[in-house]
Amino acid sequence: MRVCLASTSPARLMLLGQFGIRPLTVAPDVDEEAVIATVEASESRTLAPDEHVLLLARRKAADVAARLRDDIPDFDGIVIGGDSMFELDGEVLGKPYTPENAIARWRAMRGRTGVLHSGHAVVRIEPGEAPREVHATAAASVSFVEDVTDAEIEAYVASGEPLHVAGAFTVDSLGGAFIERVEGDPSTVVGMSVSTVRLLVRELGVEWTALWNTTDPSLGSSETEPVAL
């Protein structure tokens, strides 16, 4: 059973690797801001965080699944798409991108608790069969330590780690020392709820253990290098 991760996120790739899966990785060609803007305009409302991440996860998985069917017609397996965003007091906090934004974000978050929302979509692809897709969301609350100092925040931001991750923090690397508590599936905070993905995979009639030690011969010796389709 082949596995394709519709993402080039190092965190999601690492997660799957920790659970025994070595996927093909393909970057989805999805204009996230345009997708959200179009849907919100058509429905005349702002999407809730769980709707936001689920919509993008489904679009990413669908995009990569369609390209796989065109470019690798004998692909027999699943495509996993995901998206995450952090919510604090009703405000959605995406990737900060700049040190100034990250520092301000951390000063506002210390001593407080927010929710990390993660959307998941899994598409089953079989030669000669129509794709089948299932999806779900997961959430985990994250509490930050109250005594993180300005100097610690500035040093953390200077590492570059928080600039390109949802919420400006990680739980599995340098930022983990400043997180007091996580309630929910910890892997949700890393970027993907593996327990949720397992349930979705089983909904498609695939046993989770069939994905262990997956290798993709089309990638030669580097199964996890991104592939352009």
C-alpha atoms as a PDB file:
ATOM      1  CA  MET A   1       0.000   0.000   0.000  1.00  0.00           C
ATOM      2  CA  ARG A   2       1.626   3.215  -1.179  1.00  0.00           C
ATOM      3  CA  VAL A   3       1.300   6.464   0.752  1.00  0.00           C
ATOM      4  CA  CYS A   4       1.592  10.018  -0.525  1.00  0.00           C
ATOM      5  CA  LEU A   5       1.753  12.998   1.813  1.00  0.00           C
ATOM      6  CA  ALA A   6       0.214  16.039   0.122  1.00  0.00           C
ATOM      7  CA  SER A   7       2.658  18.311   1.895  1.00  0.00           C
ATOM      8  CA  THR A   8       6.358  19.057   2.173  1.00  0.00           C
ATOM      9  CA  SER A   9       6.031  19.933   5.875  1.00  0.00           C
ATOM     10  CA  PRO A  10       9.059  18.507   7.730  1.00  0.00           C
ATOM     11  CA  ALA A  11       6.922  18.092  10.864  1.00  0.00           C
ATOM     12  CA  ARG A  12       4.249  15.997   9.146  1.00  0.00           C
ATOM     13  CA  LEU A  13       6.886  13.949   7.358  1.00  0.00           C
ATOM     14  CA  MET A  14       8.685  13.341  10.646  1.00  0.00           C
ATOM     15  CA  LEU A  15       5.447  12.282  12.311  1.00  0.00           C
ATOM     16  CA  LEU A  16       4.678   9.654   9.696  1.00  0.00           C
ATOM     17  CA  GLY A  17       8.244   8.412   9.904  1.00  0.00           C
ATOM     18  CA  GLN A  18       7.934   7.998  13.669  1.00  0.00           C
ATOM     19  CA  PHE A  19       4.874   5.841  13.078  1.00  0.00           C
ATOM     20  CA  GLY A  20       6.627   3.612  10.573  1.00  0.00           C
ATOM     21  CA  ILE A  21       5.526   5.245   7.322  1.00  0.00           C
ATOM     22  CA  ARG A  22       7.897   6.552   4.642  1.00  0.00           C
ATOM     23  CA  PRO A  23       5.696   8.403   2.159  1.00  0.00           C
ATOM     24  CA  LEU A  24       6.103   9.935  -1.231  1.00  0.00           C
ATOM     25  CA  THR A  25       5.790  13.709  -0.685  1.00  0.00           C
ATOM     26  CA  VAL A  26       4.174  16.057  -3.197  1.00  0.00           C
ATOM     27  CA  ALA A  27       3.585  19.769  -2.651  1.00  0.00           C
ATOM     28  CA  PRO A  28      -0.063  20.660  -3.332  1.00  0.00           C
ATOM     29  CA  ASP A  29      -0.721  23.412  -5.845  1.00  0.00           C
ATOM     30  CA  VAL A  30      -3.390  25.244  -3.855  1.00  0.00           C
ATOM     31  CA  ASP A  31      -3.723  29.005  -3.400  1.00  0.00           C
ATOM     32  CA  GLU A  32      -4.888  28.835   0.203  1.00  0.00           C
ATOM     33  CA  GLU A  33      -5.875  32.482   0.583  1.00  0.00           C
ATOM     34  CA  ALA A  34      -7.841  32.429  -2.676  1.00  0.00           C
ATOM     35  CA  VAL A  35      -9.666  29.234  -1.703  1.00  0.00           C
ATOM     36  CA  ILE A  36     -10.748  30.636   1.659  1.00  0.00           C
ATOM     37  CA  ALA A  37     -11.695  34.019   0.187  1.00  0.00           C
ATOM     38  CA  THR A  38     -13.808  32.424  -2.543  1.00  0.00           C
ATOM     39  CA  VAL A  39     -15.729  30.183  -0.163  1.00  0.00           C
ATOM     40  CA  GLU A  40     -16.289  32.924   2.404  1.00  0.00           C
ATOM     41  CA  ALA A  41     -17.510  35.297  -0.305  1.00  0.00           C
ATOM     42  CA  SER A  42     -19.890  32.712  -1.727  1.00  0.00           C
ATOM     43  CA  GLU A  43     -21.320  31.917   1.714  1.00  0.00           C
ATOM     44  CA  SER A  44     -21.208  35.519   3.016  1.00  0.00           C
ATOM     45  CA  ARG A  45     -19.564  34.491   6.275  1.00  0.00           C
ATOM     46  CA  THR A  46     -16.215  33.861   7.909  1.00  0.00           C
ATOM     47  CA  LEU A  47     -15.276  30.222   8.182  1.00  0.00           C
ATOM     48  CA  ALA A  48     -14.739  28.838  11.674  1.00  0.00           C
ATOM     49  CA  PRO A  49     -11.213  27.556  12.345  1.00  0.00           C
ATOM     50  CA  ASP A  50     -12.217  23.883  12.056  1.00  0.00           C
ATOM     51  CA  GLU A  51     -13.990  24.592   8.748  1.00  0.00           C
ATOM     52  CA  HIS A  52     -10.969  26.536   7.511  1.00  0.00           C
ATOM     53  CA  VAL A  53      -8.438  23.758   8.134  1.00  0.00           C
ATOM     54  CA  LEU A  54     -10.737  21.036   6.833  1.00  0.00           C
ATOM     55  CA  LEU A  55     -11.432  22.887   3.590  1.00  0.00           C
ATOM     56  CA  LEU A  56      -7.731  23.362   2.893  1.00  0.00           C
ATOM     57  CA  ALA A  57      -6.846  19.792   3.856  1.00  0.00           C
ATOM     58  CA  ARG A  58      -9.456  18.477   1.409  1.00  0.00           C
ATOM     59  CA  ARG A  59      -8.331  20.770  -1.400  1.00  0.00           C
ATOM     60  CA  LYS A  60      -4.680  19.791  -0.919  1.00  0.00           C
ATOM     61  CA  ALA A  61      -5.430  16.071  -0.907  1.00  0.00           C
ATOM     62  CA  ALA A  62      -7.718  16.385  -3.939  1.00  0.00           C
ATOM     63  CA  ASP A  63      -5.148  18.348  -5.928  1.00  0.00           C
ATOM     64  CA  VAL A  64      -2.346  15.862  -5.322  1.00  0.00           C
ATOM     65  CA  ALA A  65      -4.636  12.858  -5.859  1.00  0.00           C
ATOM     66  CA  ALA A  66      -5.712  14.201  -9.252  1.00  0.00           C
ATOM     67  CA  ARG A  67      -2.113  14.739 -10.350  1.00  0.00           C
ATOM     68  CA  LEU A  68      -1.069  11.309  -9.131  1.00  0.00           C
ATOM     69  CA  ARG A  69      -3.821   9.674 -11.183  1.00  0.00           C
ATOM     70  CA  ASP A  70      -2.620  11.542 -14.279  1.00  0.00           C
ATOM     71  CA  ASP A  71       1.132  11.141 -13.803  1.00  0.00           C
ATOM     72  CA  ILE A  72       1.415   7.792 -11.998  1.00  0.00           C
ATOM     73  CA  PRO A  73      -1.607   5.846 -13.342  1.00  0.00           C
ATOM     74  CA  ASP A  74      -0.614   2.642 -11.532  1.00  0.00           C
ATOM     75  CA  PHE A  75      -0.528   4.359  -8.119  1.00  0.00           C
ATOM     76  CA  ASP A  76      -2.434   2.160  -5.662  1.00  0.00           C
ATOM     77  CA  GLY A  77      -2.620   3.669  -2.208  1.00  0.00           C
ATOM     78  CA  ILE A  78      -3.686   6.714  -0.233  1.00  0.00           C
ATOM     79  CA  VAL A  79      -3.061  10.457  -0.260  1.00  0.00           C
ATOM     80  CA  ILE A  80      -3.011  12.335   3.038  1.00  0.00           C
ATOM     81  CA  GLY A  81      -3.708  16.079   3.153  1.00  0.00           C
ATOM     82  CA  GLY A  82      -3.586  18.305   6.209  1.00  0.00           C
ATOM     83  CA  ASP A  83      -3.789  21.881   7.420  1.00  0.00           C
ATOM     84  CA  SER A  84      -3.422  23.520  10.835  1.00  0.00           C
ATOM     85  CA  MET A  85      -4.139  26.821  12.531  1.00  0.00           C
ATOM     86  CA  PHE A  86      -3.931  28.150  16.082  1.00  0.00           C
ATOM     87  CA  GLU A  87      -6.792  29.964  17.818  1.00  0.00           C
ATOM     88  CA  LEU A  88      -6.333  32.197  20.849  1.00  0.00           C
ATOM     89  CA  ASP A  89      -9.350  33.930  22.406  1.00  0.00           C
ATOM     90  CA  GLY A  90     -11.287  33.548  19.165  1.00  0.00           C
ATOM     91  CA  GLU A  91      -8.513  35.011  17.021  1.00  0.00           C
ATOM     92  CA  VAL A  92      -6.878  32.817  14.418  1.00  0.00           C
ATOM     93  CA  LEU A  93      -3.080  33.021  14.455  1.00  0.00           C
ATOM     94  CA  GLY A  94      -1.352  31.696  11.367  1.00  0.00           C
ATOM     95  CA  LYS A  95       2.351  31.720  10.525  1.00  0.00           C
ATOM     96  CA  PRO A  96       3.989  34.952  11.748  1.00  0.00           C
ATOM     97  CA  TYR A  97       6.651  35.056   8.955  1.00  0.00           C
ATOM     98  CA  THR A  98       8.538  38.005  10.503  1.00  0.00           C
ATOM     99  CA  PRO A  99      10.508  38.203  13.781  1.00  0.00           C
ATOM    100  CA  GLU A 100       8.491  41.233  14.864  1.00  0.00           C
ATOM    101  CA  ASN A 101       5.204  39.354  14.503  1.00  0.00           C
ATOM    102  CA  ALA A 102       6.582  36.278  16.245  1.00  0.00           C
ATOM    103  CA  ILE A 103       7.867  38.267  19.229  1.00  0.00           C
ATOM    104  CA  ALA A 104       4.553  40.080  19.630  1.00  0.00           C
ATOM    105  CA  ARG A 105       2.709  36.783  19.325  1.00  0.00           C
ATOM    106  CA  TRP A 106       4.740  35.103  22.045  1.00  0.00           C
ATOM    107  CA  ARG A 107       4.408  38.031  24.434  1.00  0.00           C
ATOM    108  CA  ALA A 108       0.638  37.778  24.010  1.00  0.00           C
ATOM    109  CA  MET A 109       0.548  33.979  24.397  1.00  0.00           C
ATOM    110  CA  ARG A 110       2.634  33.492  27.546  1.00  0.00           C
ATOM    111  CA  GLY A 111       0.619  32.206  30.474  1.00  0.00           C
ATOM    112  CA  ARG A 112      -2.405  31.584  28.269  1.00  0.00           C
ATOM    113  CA  THR A 113      -4.114  28.641  26.563  1.00  0.00           C
ATOM    114  CA  GLY A 114      -5.132  28.335  22.926  1.00  0.00           C
ATOM    115  CA  VAL A 115      -6.434  25.646  20.598  1.00  0.00           C
ATOM    116  CA  LEU A 116      -4.589  24.076  17.680  1.00  0.00           C
ATOM    117  CA  HIS A 117      -7.049  23.010  14.963  1.00  0.00           C
ATOM    118  CA  SER A 118      -5.956  20.387  12.449  1.00  0.00           C
ATOM    119  CA  GLY A 119      -7.840  19.284   9.323  1.00  0.00           C
ATOM    120  CA  HIS A 120      -7.258  15.898   7.700  1.00  0.00           C
ATOM    121  CA  ALA A 121      -8.323  14.403   4.375  1.00  0.00           C
ATOM    122  CA  VAL A 122      -7.430  10.944   3.073  1.00  0.00           C
ATOM    123  CA  VAL A 123      -8.061   9.892  -0.524  1.00  0.00           C
ATOM    124  CA  ARG A 124      -7.961   6.248  -1.636  1.00  0.00           C
ATOM    125  CA  ILE A 125      -6.658   5.808  -5.163  1.00  0.00           C
ATOM    126  CA  GLU A 126      -6.917   2.533  -7.072  1.00  0.00           C
ATOM    127  CA  PRO A 127      -6.243   2.049 -10.803  1.00  0.00           C
ATOM    128  CA  GLY A 128      -9.527   1.911 -12.695  1.00  0.00           C
ATOM    129  CA  GLU A 129     -11.604   3.020  -9.701  1.00  0.00           C
ATOM    130  CA  ALA A 130     -13.051   6.385  -8.737  1.00  0.00           C
ATOM    131  CA  PRO A 131     -11.178   8.078  -5.862  1.00  0.00           C
ATOM    132  CA  ARG A 132     -12.799   7.850  -2.427  1.00  0.00           C
ATOM    133  CA  GLU A 133     -12.242  10.547   0.191  1.00  0.00           C
ATOM    134  CA  VAL A 134     -12.878  10.792   3.927  1.00  0.00           C
ATOM    135  CA  HIS A 135     -12.073  13.675   6.236  1.00  0.00           C
ATOM    136  CA  ALA A 136     -12.146  14.865   9.840  1.00  0.00           C
ATOM    137  CA  THR A 137     -10.819  17.538  12.168  1.00  0.00           C
ATOM    138  CA  ALA A 138      -9.013  17.305  15.482  1.00  0.00           C
ATOM    139  CA  ALA A 139      -8.152  19.875  18.128  1.00  0.00           C
ATOM    140  CA  ALA A 140      -5.780  20.091  21.071  1.00  0.00           C
ATOM    141  CA  SER A 141      -5.406  22.811  23.674  1.00  0.00           C
ATOM    142  CA  VAL A 142      -1.951  24.242  24.326  1.00  0.00           C
ATOM    143  CA  SER A 143      -0.986  26.078  27.521  1.00  0.00           C
ATOM    144  CA  PHE A 144       2.144  28.235  27.512  1.00  0.00           C
ATOM    145  CA  VAL A 145       4.336  28.836  30.550  1.00  0.00           C
ATOM    146  CA  GLU A 146       3.781  32.159  32.251  1.00  0.00           C
ATOM    147  CA  ASP A 147       7.396  32.883  33.149  1.00  0.00           C
ATOM    148  CA  VAL A 148       8.971  32.819  29.677  1.00  0.00           C
ATOM    149  CA  THR A 149      11.101  35.972  29.575  1.00  0.00           C
ATOM    150  CA  ASP A 150      11.472  38.545  26.819  1.00  0.00           C
ATOM    151  CA  ALA A 151      15.074  37.386  26.407  1.00  0.00           C
ATOM    152  CA  GLU A 152      13.949  33.769  25.938  1.00  0.00           C
ATOM    153  CA  ILE A 153      11.314  34.839  23.441  1.00  0.00           C
ATOM    154  CA  GLU A 154      13.816  36.858  21.434  1.00  0.00           C
ATOM    155  CA  ALA A 155      16.329  33.998  21.448  1.00  0.00           C
ATOM    156  CA  TYR A 156      13.661  31.544  20.326  1.00  0.00           C
ATOM    157  CA  VAL A 157      12.517  33.825  17.521  1.00  0.00           C
ATOM    158  CA  ALA A 158      16.151  34.386  16.473  1.00  0.00           C
ATOM    159  CA  SER A 159      16.446  30.615  15.940  1.00  0.00           C
ATOM    160  CA  GLY A 160      14.003  31.008  13.051  1.00  0.00           C
ATOM    161  CA  GLU A 161      11.913  28.046  14.176  1.00  0.00           C
ATOM    162  CA  PRO A 162       8.637  29.845  14.934  1.00  0.00           C
ATOM    163  CA  LEU A 163       8.485  32.000  11.813  1.00  0.00           C
ATOM    164  CA  HIS A 164       6.893  29.463   9.462  1.00  0.00           C
ATOM    165  CA  VAL A 165       4.692  27.350  11.727  1.00  0.00           C
ATOM    166  CA  ALA A 166       1.052  27.873  12.696  1.00  0.00           C
ATOM    167  CA  GLY A 167       0.816  29.773  15.970  1.00  0.00           C
ATOM    168  CA  ALA A 168       4.555  30.586  16.000  1.00  0.00           C
ATOM    169  CA  PHE A 169       5.477  27.574  18.123  1.00  0.00           C
ATOM    170  CA  THR A 170       6.444  23.926  18.005  1.00  0.00           C
ATOM    171  CA  VAL A 171       5.919  21.318  20.696  1.00  0.00           C
ATOM    172  CA  ASP A 172       8.458  18.804  19.400  1.00  0.00           C
ATOM    173  CA  SER A 173      11.513  21.038  19.112  1.00  0.00           C
ATOM    174  CA  LEU A 174      12.931  24.212  20.702  1.00  0.00           C
ATOM    175  CA  GLY A 175       9.520  25.666  21.528  1.00  0.00           C
ATOM    176  CA  GLY A 176       8.496  22.649  23.579  1.00  0.00           C
ATOM    177  CA  ALA A 177      10.305  23.951  26.673  1.00  0.00           C
ATOM    178  CA  PHE A 178       7.909  26.903  26.819  1.00  0.00           C
ATOM    179  CA  ILE A 179       4.749  24.774  26.683  1.00  0.00           C
ATOM    180  CA  GLU A 180       3.319  23.756  30.043  1.00  0.00           C
ATOM    181  CA  ARG A 181       0.543  21.401  28.985  1.00  0.00           C
ATOM    182  CA  VAL A 182      -1.141  19.845  25.939  1.00  0.00           C
ATOM    183  CA  GLU A 183      -4.636  18.386  26.186  1.00  0.00           C
ATOM    184  CA  GLY A 184      -5.641  16.127  23.306  1.00  0.00           C
ATOM    185  CA  ASP A 185      -3.658  14.063  20.830  1.00  0.00           C
ATOM    186  CA  PRO A 186      -0.121  15.523  21.079  1.00  0.00           C
ATOM    187  CA  SER A 187       0.563  14.811  17.410  1.00  0.00           C
ATOM    188  CA  THR A 188      -2.207  17.277  16.536  1.00  0.00           C
ATOM    189  CA  VAL A 189       0.042  20.058  17.798  1.00  0.00           C
ATOM    190  CA  VAL A 190       2.946  18.795  15.709  1.00  0.00           C
ATOM    191  CA  GLY A 191       0.842  19.140  12.561  1.00  0.00           C
ATOM    192  CA  MET A 192      -1.400  16.118  12.148  1.00  0.00           C
ATOM    193  CA  SER A 193      -3.439  13.918  14.490  1.00  0.00           C
ATOM    194  CA  VAL A 194      -2.076  10.482  13.685  1.00  0.00           C
ATOM    195  CA  SER A 195      -4.886   8.771  15.600  1.00  0.00           C
ATOM    196  CA  THR A 196      -7.407  10.663  13.452  1.00  0.00           C
ATOM    197  CA  VAL A 197      -5.596   9.697  10.254  1.00  0.00           C
ATOM    198  CA  ARG A 198      -5.634   6.060  11.360  1.00  0.00           C
ATOM    199  CA  LEU A 199      -9.418   6.163  11.779  1.00  0.00           C
ATOM    200  CA  LEU A 200      -9.845   7.735   8.340  1.00  0.00           C
ATOM    201  CA  VAL A 201      -7.595   5.138   6.735  1.00  0.00           C
ATOM    202  CA  ARG A 202      -9.692   2.367   8.265  1.00  0.00           C
ATOM    203  CA  GLU A 203     -12.884   4.012   6.980  1.00  0.00           C
ATOM    204  CA  LEU A 204     -11.453   3.462   3.518  1.00  0.00           C
ATOM    205  CA  GLY A 205     -10.966  -0.228   4.215  1.00  0.00           C
ATOM    206  CA  VAL A 206      -7.202  -0.054   4.725  1.00  0.00           C
ATOM    207  CA  GLU A 207      -5.521  -1.425   7.821  1.00  0.00           C
ATOM    208  CA  TRP A 208      -3.106   1.055   9.417  1.00  0.00           C
ATOM    209  CA  THR A 209      -0.449  -1.625   9.768  1.00  0.00           C
ATOM    210  CA  ALA A 210      -0.468  -2.089   5.987  1.00  0.00           C
ATOM    211  CA  LEU A 211       1.162   1.349   5.769  1.00  0.00           C
ATOM    212  CA  TRP A 212       4.147   0.528   7.966  1.00  0.00           C
ATOM    213  CA  ASN A 213       7.596   0.648   6.399  1.00  0.00           C
ATOM    214  CA  THR A 214       6.133   1.979   3.187  1.00  0.00           C
ATOM    215  CA  THR A 215       8.672   2.641   0.452  1.00  0.00           C
ATOM    216  CA  ASP A 216       8.068   4.041  -2.984  1.00  0.00           C
ATOM    217  CA  PRO A 217      10.270   2.515  -5.674  1.00  0.00           C
ATOM    218  CA  SER A 218       9.725   5.494  -7.963  1.00  0.00           C
ATOM    219  CA  LEU A 219      11.894   7.538  -5.597  1.00  0.00           C
ATOM    220  CA  GLY A 220      14.982   5.327  -5.660  1.00  0.00           C
ATOM    221  CA  SER A 221      16.982   5.542  -2.445  1.00  0.00           C
ATOM    222  CA  SER A 222      15.389   8.756  -1.090  1.00  0.00           C
ATOM    223  CA  GLU A 223      11.744   7.897  -0.503  1.00  0.00           C
ATOM    224  CA  THR A 224      10.957  11.107   1.313  1.00  0.00           C
ATOM    225  CA  GLU A 225      12.345  13.660  -1.123  1.00  0.00           C
ATOM    226  CA  PRO A 226       9.607  15.894  -2.589  1.00  0.00           C
ATOM    227  CA  VAL A 227       8.498  14.859  -6.061  1.00  0.00           C
ATOM    228  CA  ALA A 228       7.294  17.304  -8.714  1.00  0.00           C
ATOM    229  CA  LEU A 229       4.218  16.151 -10.632  1.00  0.00           C
END
